[in-house]
Amino acid sequence: MASPTSVSAVVAPPSFSASLRRRIKIPATFLRSPSSAFYFGPTFPTASYSTHTSVAVGDHNWNRRGLVFTATLPFLIPLYESLDSVSVKAAESISNNEYSKLLKDEIRKVVPKGRAAGVLRLVFHDAGTFDINDNSGGMNGSIIYELERPENAGLKGPVKASSFSLSVFGQIIQKAKSVVEAIKPVSWADLIAVAGAEAVSLCGGPTIPVALGRVDSKDEDPDGKLPLETLGASALKESFRRKGLSTQELVALTGAHTLGSKGFGDPDVFDNSYFKILLKKPWKSDRALAEDEECLSWITKYAENQNLFFEDFEKAYIKLVNSGAKWRSL
C-alpha cells in the first residue's frame, strides 16, 4: 500500500523552532524563500508567483500568503500526523469475517486442484517440525527459510521441469499473500494454514475452519524434526506423539495421501480412497501403517466410513496447524 501523502514543503517564519521544522520536514531551501507555498504531494511543483503585498513581521517581510499559512499551521500539524495512520485504520476497518473470506477467495484464485497435494505438503512441512518436549517448531511460517532443505524439494519450484508445473510457494502462496497484503497484513503461517484447508475443500473434502492470528518466526526451525517416510509404525507413532498427535490423528492425517501422484484414487479428489486401497494393496511408502494393528483398526474404520474420516481429519488438521503457533489478536 502506498505511503500516505506527505508535506513536501511548507513556509514557516524563522522564529519557529528547529524541532518543529524537523517534525513537519521543512527543507531549508524553502525556509529561505518567503514566497514559497506549502504543497501536499510527492514532489514540489515548479511554479512562478506574482508579487504579493508584503507585511513587516519583526525584521522580516512576509507576504500575505505566508501570514495565512502561519495562522493555519497549528491546524495542519495534527492533519499531517493523522495521515500516517490512514493506512492502518483502513486495514483495521475490515472485519475478521471479511478478512477470512478475503484469504480464502484469493487462495482459491491461485490454487488449482492439481497443486492441492503440494499445498497440503507445505502445511505439513511447516507444522511438522513441532516438538512438544521443548515447545519448538510448529506452524510458524519458518518454512520460508527452509525451502532449500532436501525434504522440502519441490515446494519452492516444480520437481519436474514442465510448462504446466507451478511452484507451490512462488506462484501460489506468494501470489496470494501479495494480493491480501494490499488490504491487510497476513502472516505466512496463517496463509499456509488457510491454503491447506482450502485445498482440501476445493477437492471435495470437508470445510475446515482455521483460526487466524499466528505470528511468523524470524528464523528457521531446527533441522531433522520431520518424520521420515522410511520409519516403521512404532517410530512413526512415537514421532507423532512428540508432536502432540495420537495414533488416530496420525492415521487421519495420512489420508491426505489420497491427493497427488501416489496412486491412491483420483489425484484431484479428496475422499477415503487412500484407506480402501491401502487395505487391498499396501504400498511401500505406507506399508508400515497397514501392518500395525492399532493403525489398521483406524484404516479400516475410515475405509468403511468417509464421513468419519472427514470429521477426524478436520479435527486433526486444526490441531496440526495450531501446534506451536504463537498468536496475536487481530
Protein backbone atom coordinates (compact mmCIF):
# COMPACT_ATOMS: atom_id res chain seq x y z
CA MET A 1 0.00 0.00 0.00
CA ALA A 2 1.30 3.40 -0.90
CA SER A 3 2.52 5.54 1.97
CA PRO A 4 0.33 8.47 2.97
CA THR A 5 0.89 11.73 1.16
CA SER A 6 3.49 13.83 2.95
CA VAL A 7 4.08 17.53 3.17
CA SER A 8 6.74 18.29 0.58
CA ALA A 9 7.33 21.88 1.51
CA VAL A 10 5.96 24.46 3.90
CA VAL A 11 6.60 28.05 4.79
CA ALA A 12 7.37 29.00 8.37
CA PRO A 13 8.80 32.15 9.90
CA PRO A 14 12.38 31.97 11.22
CA SER A 15 11.16 32.12 14.80
CA PHE A 16 9.79 28.55 14.53
CA SER A 17 11.89 26.06 16.46
CA ALA A 18 14.21 23.66 14.65
CA SER A 19 12.43 20.70 16.19
CA LEU A 20 9.12 21.85 14.73
CA ARG A 21 10.74 22.22 11.33
CA ARG A 22 12.05 18.69 11.53
CA ARG A 23 8.67 17.44 12.63
CA ILE A 24 6.97 18.70 9.50
CA LYS A 25 10.01 18.10 7.28
CA ILE A 26 10.69 21.63 6.06
CA PRO A 27 13.51 21.74 3.50
CA ALA A 28 15.95 24.54 4.26
CA THR A 29 15.73 25.86 0.70
CA PHE A 30 12.08 26.66 1.16
CA LEU A 31 12.59 28.28 4.53
CA ARG A 32 14.78 30.88 2.86
CA SER A 33 12.03 31.89 0.45
CA PRO A 34 9.03 33.65 1.99
CA SER A 35 7.20 33.39 -1.31
CA SER A 36 7.25 29.57 -1.29
CA ALA A 37 3.88 27.88 -0.76
CA PHE A 38 3.13 24.60 1.01
CA TYR A 39 2.05 21.64 -1.12
CA PHE A 40 0.70 18.15 -0.41
CA GLY A 41 2.17 15.69 -2.89
CA PRO A 42 5.17 13.55 -3.76
CA THR A 43 7.14 16.40 -5.32
CA PHE A 44 7.14 20.15 -5.01
CA PRO A 45 5.63 21.74 -8.15
CA THR A 46 7.52 24.21 -10.24
CA ALA A 47 5.63 27.49 -10.31
CA SER A 48 6.17 31.19 -10.64
CA TYR A 49 4.37 33.58 -8.38
CA SER A 50 3.40 37.19 -8.98
CA THR A 51 4.33 39.88 -6.49
CA HIS A 52 2.11 39.92 -3.40
CA THR A 53 1.55 42.58 -0.79
CA SER A 54 4.12 42.15 1.96
CA VAL A 55 3.67 42.81 5.65
CA ALA A 56 6.51 43.54 8.05
CA VAL A 57 6.90 40.96 10.80
CA GLY A 58 9.81 41.78 13.11
CA ASP A 59 12.91 42.19 10.97
CA HIS A 60 11.44 40.16 8.08
CA ASN A 61 8.94 40.86 5.36
CA TRP A 62 6.28 38.15 4.91
CA ASN A 63 3.69 38.22 2.14
CA ARG A 64 0.04 37.66 2.81
CA ARG A 65 0.32 34.01 1.75
CA GLY A 66 2.90 33.40 4.45
CA LEU A 67 0.73 35.01 7.12
CA VAL A 68 -2.24 32.86 6.18
CA PHE A 69 -0.14 29.74 6.44
CA THR A 70 1.31 30.87 9.77
CA ALA A 71 -2.18 31.22 11.14
CA THR A 72 -3.32 27.81 9.90
CA LEU A 73 -0.14 25.84 10.66
CA PRO A 74 -1.29 24.67 14.14
CA PHE A 75 -4.27 23.03 12.46
CA LEU A 76 -2.19 21.46 9.68
CA ILE A 77 0.23 19.70 12.03
CA PRO A 78 -2.43 17.37 13.52
CA LEU A 79 -3.72 16.74 9.98
CA TYR A 80 -0.27 15.77 8.78
CA GLU A 81 0.26 13.47 11.76
CA SER A 82 -3.08 11.79 11.08
CA LEU A 83 -2.01 10.87 7.53
CA ASP A 84 0.44 8.29 8.87
CA SER A 85 -2.40 6.33 10.43
CA VAL A 86 -4.71 6.38 7.41
CA SER A 87 -3.49 3.05 6.03
CA VAL A 88 -3.55 1.45 9.48
CA LYS A 89 -7.15 2.48 10.11
CA ALA A 90 -8.15 1.35 6.64
CA ALA A 91 -6.75 -2.11 7.41
CA GLU A 92 -8.47 -2.16 10.79
CA SER A 93 -11.81 -1.38 9.17
CA ILE A 94 -12.06 -4.86 7.61
CA SER A 95 -13.83 -7.30 9.91
CA ASN A 96 -12.38 -10.68 10.86
CA ASN A 97 -15.04 -12.46 8.79
CA GLU A 98 -14.25 -10.29 5.76
CA TYR A 99 -10.54 -10.87 6.31
CA SER A 100 -11.03 -14.63 6.45
CA LYS A 101 -13.16 -14.58 3.30
CA LEU A 102 -10.56 -12.45 1.54
CA LEU A 103 -7.87 -15.03 2.32
CA LYS A 104 -9.99 -17.91 1.08
CA ASP A 105 -11.08 -16.13 -2.08
CA GLU A 106 -7.55 -15.17 -3.10
CA ILE A 107 -6.22 -18.65 -2.39
CA ARG A 108 -8.97 -20.20 -4.49
CA LYS A 109 -7.92 -17.99 -7.40
CA VAL A 110 -4.38 -19.38 -7.46
CA VAL A 111 -4.69 -22.98 -6.22
CA PRO A 112 -5.60 -25.44 -8.99
CA LYS A 113 -6.72 -28.93 -7.96
CA GLY A 114 -3.56 -30.34 -9.47
CA ARG A 115 -1.45 -28.50 -6.88
CA ALA A 116 -3.65 -29.16 -3.85
CA ALA A 117 -1.40 -32.02 -2.70
CA GLY A 118 1.64 -29.74 -2.85
CA VAL A 119 -0.12 -27.06 -0.81
CA LEU A 120 -1.03 -29.64 1.85
CA ARG A 121 2.57 -30.83 1.89
CA LEU A 122 3.67 -27.26 2.56
CA VAL A 123 1.35 -27.21 5.60
CA PHE A 124 2.67 -30.50 6.95
CA HIS A 125 6.28 -29.47 6.50
CA ASP A 126 5.79 -26.15 8.29
CA ALA A 127 3.74 -27.52 11.19
CA GLY A 128 5.51 -30.90 11.31
CA THR A 129 8.63 -29.51 12.99
CA PHE A 130 6.73 -29.08 16.28
CA ASP A 131 8.23 -30.78 19.33
CA ILE A 132 6.04 -30.87 22.42
CA ASN A 133 9.00 -31.58 24.70
CA ASP A 134 10.62 -28.16 24.25
CA ASN A 135 7.70 -26.39 22.54
CA SER A 136 9.84 -25.67 19.49
CA GLY A 137 8.87 -25.53 15.83
CA GLY A 138 5.29 -25.79 14.65
CA MET A 139 3.00 -23.68 12.50
CA ASN A 140 5.07 -20.50 12.40
CA GLY A 141 5.87 -19.78 8.76
CA SER A 142 9.51 -20.83 9.19
CA ILE A 143 9.16 -22.98 6.07
CA ILE A 144 10.05 -19.90 4.01
CA TYR A 145 13.61 -20.20 5.39
CA GLU A 146 13.74 -23.97 4.92
CA LEU A 147 12.82 -24.44 1.26
CA GLU A 148 16.35 -25.47 0.30
CA ARG A 149 16.33 -28.47 2.65
CA PRO A 150 16.24 -31.85 0.85
CA GLU A 151 12.97 -32.88 2.50
CA ASN A 152 11.31 -29.76 1.07
CA ALA A 153 12.32 -30.43 -2.52
CA GLY A 154 9.63 -29.37 -4.94
CA LEU A 155 7.96 -26.81 -2.68
CA LYS A 156 9.99 -23.85 -3.90
CA GLY A 157 9.83 -24.92 -7.53
CA PRO A 158 8.45 -27.80 -9.58
CA VAL A 159 10.07 -31.20 -9.11
CA LYS A 160 9.95 -31.83 -12.85
CA ALA A 161 10.55 -29.08 -15.37
CA SER A 162 7.31 -28.59 -17.23
CA SER A 163 5.47 -25.68 -18.75
CA PHE A 164 2.41 -26.82 -16.81
CA SER A 165 4.17 -27.04 -13.45
CA LEU A 166 3.56 -24.44 -10.78
CA SER A 167 5.74 -23.54 -7.86
CA VAL A 168 3.63 -24.14 -4.75
CA PHE A 169 5.46 -21.44 -2.86
CA GLY A 170 6.27 -18.87 -5.51
CA GLN A 171 3.27 -18.93 -7.81
CA ILE A 172 0.62 -19.87 -5.28
CA ILE A 173 1.44 -18.79 -1.73
CA GLN A 174 3.46 -15.67 -2.54
CA LYS A 175 0.94 -14.51 -5.12
CA ALA A 176 -1.99 -14.82 -2.74
CA LYS A 177 -0.04 -13.06 0.02
CA SER A 178 0.78 -10.04 -2.14
CA VAL A 179 -2.88 -9.53 -3.04
CA VAL A 180 -4.15 -9.91 0.54
CA GLU A 181 -1.50 -7.62 1.99
CA ALA A 182 -2.65 -4.79 -0.25
CA ILE A 183 -5.63 -4.71 2.12
CA LYS A 184 -4.40 -6.15 5.40
CA PRO A 185 -1.16 -7.81 6.59
CA VAL A 186 -1.18 -11.60 6.83
CA SER A 187 1.43 -13.92 8.30
CA TRP A 188 2.93 -16.74 6.28
CA ALA A 189 1.70 -19.18 8.94
CA ASP A 190 -1.92 -18.03 8.63
CA LEU A 191 -1.80 -18.00 4.86
CA ILE A 192 -0.32 -21.51 4.61
CA ALA A 193 -2.77 -22.92 7.18
CA VAL A 194 -5.76 -21.47 5.31
CA ALA A 195 -4.34 -22.56 1.94
CA GLY A 196 -4.16 -26.18 3.07
CA ALA A 197 -7.74 -26.12 4.32
CA GLU A 198 -8.96 -24.58 1.07
CA ALA A 199 -7.03 -27.15 -0.96
CA VAL A 200 -8.91 -29.92 0.86
CA SER A 201 -12.28 -28.24 0.37
CA LEU A 202 -11.55 -27.46 -3.28
CA CYS A 203 -11.06 -31.18 -3.95
CA GLY A 204 -14.31 -32.24 -2.28
CA GLY A 205 -13.10 -32.69 1.28
CA PRO A 206 -14.50 -31.15 4.46
CA THR A 207 -14.72 -27.40 5.04
CA ILE A 208 -12.17 -26.70 7.77
CA PRO A 209 -12.38 -23.52 9.87
CA VAL A 210 -8.93 -22.08 10.54
CA ALA A 211 -8.35 -19.54 13.31
CA LEU A 212 -6.25 -16.51 12.33
CA GLY A 213 -3.63 -14.54 14.21
CA ARG A 214 -0.45 -16.62 14.04
CA VAL A 215 2.86 -14.79 14.34
CA ASP A 216 5.68 -15.75 11.99
CA SER A 217 9.06 -16.97 13.18
CA LYS A 218 12.06 -14.86 12.22
CA ASP A 219 14.32 -17.91 11.94
CA GLU A 220 14.25 -21.43 10.57
CA ASP A 221 13.22 -24.33 12.80
CA PRO A 222 15.73 -26.98 13.92
CA ASP A 223 16.55 -29.48 11.19
CA GLY A 224 15.67 -33.18 11.40
CA LYS A 225 12.25 -32.72 13.05
CA LEU A 226 10.13 -34.09 10.21
CA PRO A 227 9.36 -37.84 10.34
CA LEU A 228 10.98 -39.84 7.56
CA GLU A 229 8.80 -41.90 5.22
CA THR A 230 11.06 -44.90 5.88
CA LEU A 231 10.11 -45.06 9.57
CA GLY A 232 8.30 -48.14 10.86
CA ALA A 233 4.91 -47.89 12.56
CA SER A 234 6.31 -47.74 16.09
CA ALA A 235 8.77 -44.98 15.19
CA LEU A 236 6.07 -43.04 13.32
CA LYS A 237 3.67 -43.23 16.26
CA GLU A 238 6.41 -42.07 18.62
CA SER A 239 7.34 -39.22 16.28
CA PHE A 240 3.73 -38.04 16.19
CA ARG A 241 3.41 -38.36 19.97
CA ARG A 242 6.30 -35.90 20.28
CA LYS A 243 4.20 -33.55 18.20
CA GLY A 244 1.19 -33.97 20.47
CA LEU A 245 -0.70 -36.15 17.98
CA SER A 246 -2.26 -39.54 18.70
CA THR A 247 -2.14 -42.65 16.55
CA GLN A 248 -5.70 -41.97 15.40
CA GLU A 249 -4.69 -38.44 14.36
CA LEU A 250 -1.63 -39.82 12.59
CA VAL A 251 -3.78 -42.17 10.51
CA ALA A 252 -6.39 -39.50 9.78
CA LEU A 253 -3.76 -37.04 8.55
CA THR A 254 -2.12 -39.63 6.30
CA GLY A 255 -5.47 -39.75 4.49
CA ALA A 256 -4.25 -36.62 2.69
CA HIS A 257 -2.27 -39.05 0.51
CA THR A 258 -5.48 -39.56 -1.43
CA LEU A 259 -4.44 -36.38 -3.27
CA GLY A 260 -1.49 -36.24 -5.65
CA SER A 261 0.51 -38.74 -7.60
CA LYS A 262 0.99 -41.53 -5.06
CA GLY A 263 -1.67 -43.59 -6.78
CA PHE A 264 -4.38 -43.72 -4.13
CA GLY A 265 -7.51 -42.98 -6.15
CA ASP A 266 -8.24 -39.82 -8.17
CA PRO A 267 -5.29 -37.43 -7.59
CA ASP A 268 -7.63 -34.42 -7.61
CA VAL A 269 -10.34 -35.77 -5.30
CA PHE A 270 -10.20 -35.74 -1.51
CA ASP A 271 -12.03 -38.84 -0.26
CA ASN A 272 -11.34 -42.07 1.62
CA SER A 273 -9.86 -43.92 -1.37
CA TYR A 274 -6.46 -43.98 0.31
CA PHE A 275 -7.72 -46.25 3.09
CA LYS A 276 -9.68 -48.53 0.76
CA ILE A 277 -6.69 -49.08 -1.50
CA LEU A 278 -4.35 -49.45 1.47
CA LEU A 279 -6.42 -52.40 2.71
CA LYS A 280 -6.26 -54.11 -0.67
CA LYS A 281 -2.69 -53.40 -1.67
CA PRO A 282 -0.36 -51.78 0.88
CA TRP A 283 2.10 -49.56 -0.93
CA LYS A 284 5.72 -49.50 0.03
CA SER A 285 5.66 -45.97 1.49
CA ASP A 286 2.65 -46.74 3.70
CA ARG A 287 3.02 -50.44 4.34
CA ALA A 288 4.10 -49.80 7.93
CA LEU A 289 0.72 -48.36 8.92
CA ALA A 290 -1.25 -51.18 7.32
CA GLU A 291 0.83 -53.76 9.16
CA ASP A 292 0.38 -52.15 12.58
CA GLU A 293 -2.64 -53.44 14.48
CA GLU A 294 -3.59 -50.11 16.07
CA CYS A 295 -3.20 -48.20 12.80
CA LEU A 296 -5.02 -50.91 10.84
CA SER A 297 -8.04 -50.50 13.10
CA TRP A 298 -8.37 -46.83 12.13
CA ILE A 299 -7.59 -47.52 8.48
CA THR A 300 -10.48 -49.98 8.38
CA LYS A 301 -12.89 -47.53 10.05
CA TYR A 302 -12.03 -44.75 7.62
CA ALA A 303 -12.25 -47.09 4.62
CA GLU A 304 -15.79 -48.00 5.67
CA ASN A 305 -16.96 -44.55 6.73
CA GLN A 306 -15.89 -41.49 4.74
CA ASN A 307 -17.87 -39.10 6.95
CA LEU A 308 -15.96 -40.32 10.00
CA PHE A 309 -12.69 -39.78 8.12
CA PHE A 310 -13.73 -36.24 7.17
CA GLU A 311 -14.69 -35.41 10.77
CA ASP A 312 -11.46 -36.78 12.21
CA PHE A 313 -9.30 -35.24 9.50
CA GLU A 314 -10.81 -31.82 10.20
CA LYS A 315 -10.09 -32.11 13.93
CA ALA A 316 -6.56 -33.39 13.36
CA TYR A 317 -5.83 -30.67 10.79
CA ILE A 318 -6.93 -27.91 13.16
CA LYS A 319 -4.75 -29.39 15.89
CA LEU A 320 -1.81 -29.64 13.50
CA VAL A 321 -1.97 -26.03 12.26
CA ASN A 322 -2.35 -24.74 15.83
CA SER A 323 0.63 -26.71 17.16
CA GLY A 324 3.49 -24.49 18.25
CA ALA A 325 1.75 -21.37 16.94
CA LYS A 326 2.33 -18.01 18.62
CA TRP A 327 -0.74 -15.79 18.49
CA ARG A 328 -1.61 -12.15 18.27
CA SER A 329 -5.02 -10.50 18.45
CA LEU A 330 -6.49 -9.44 15.12
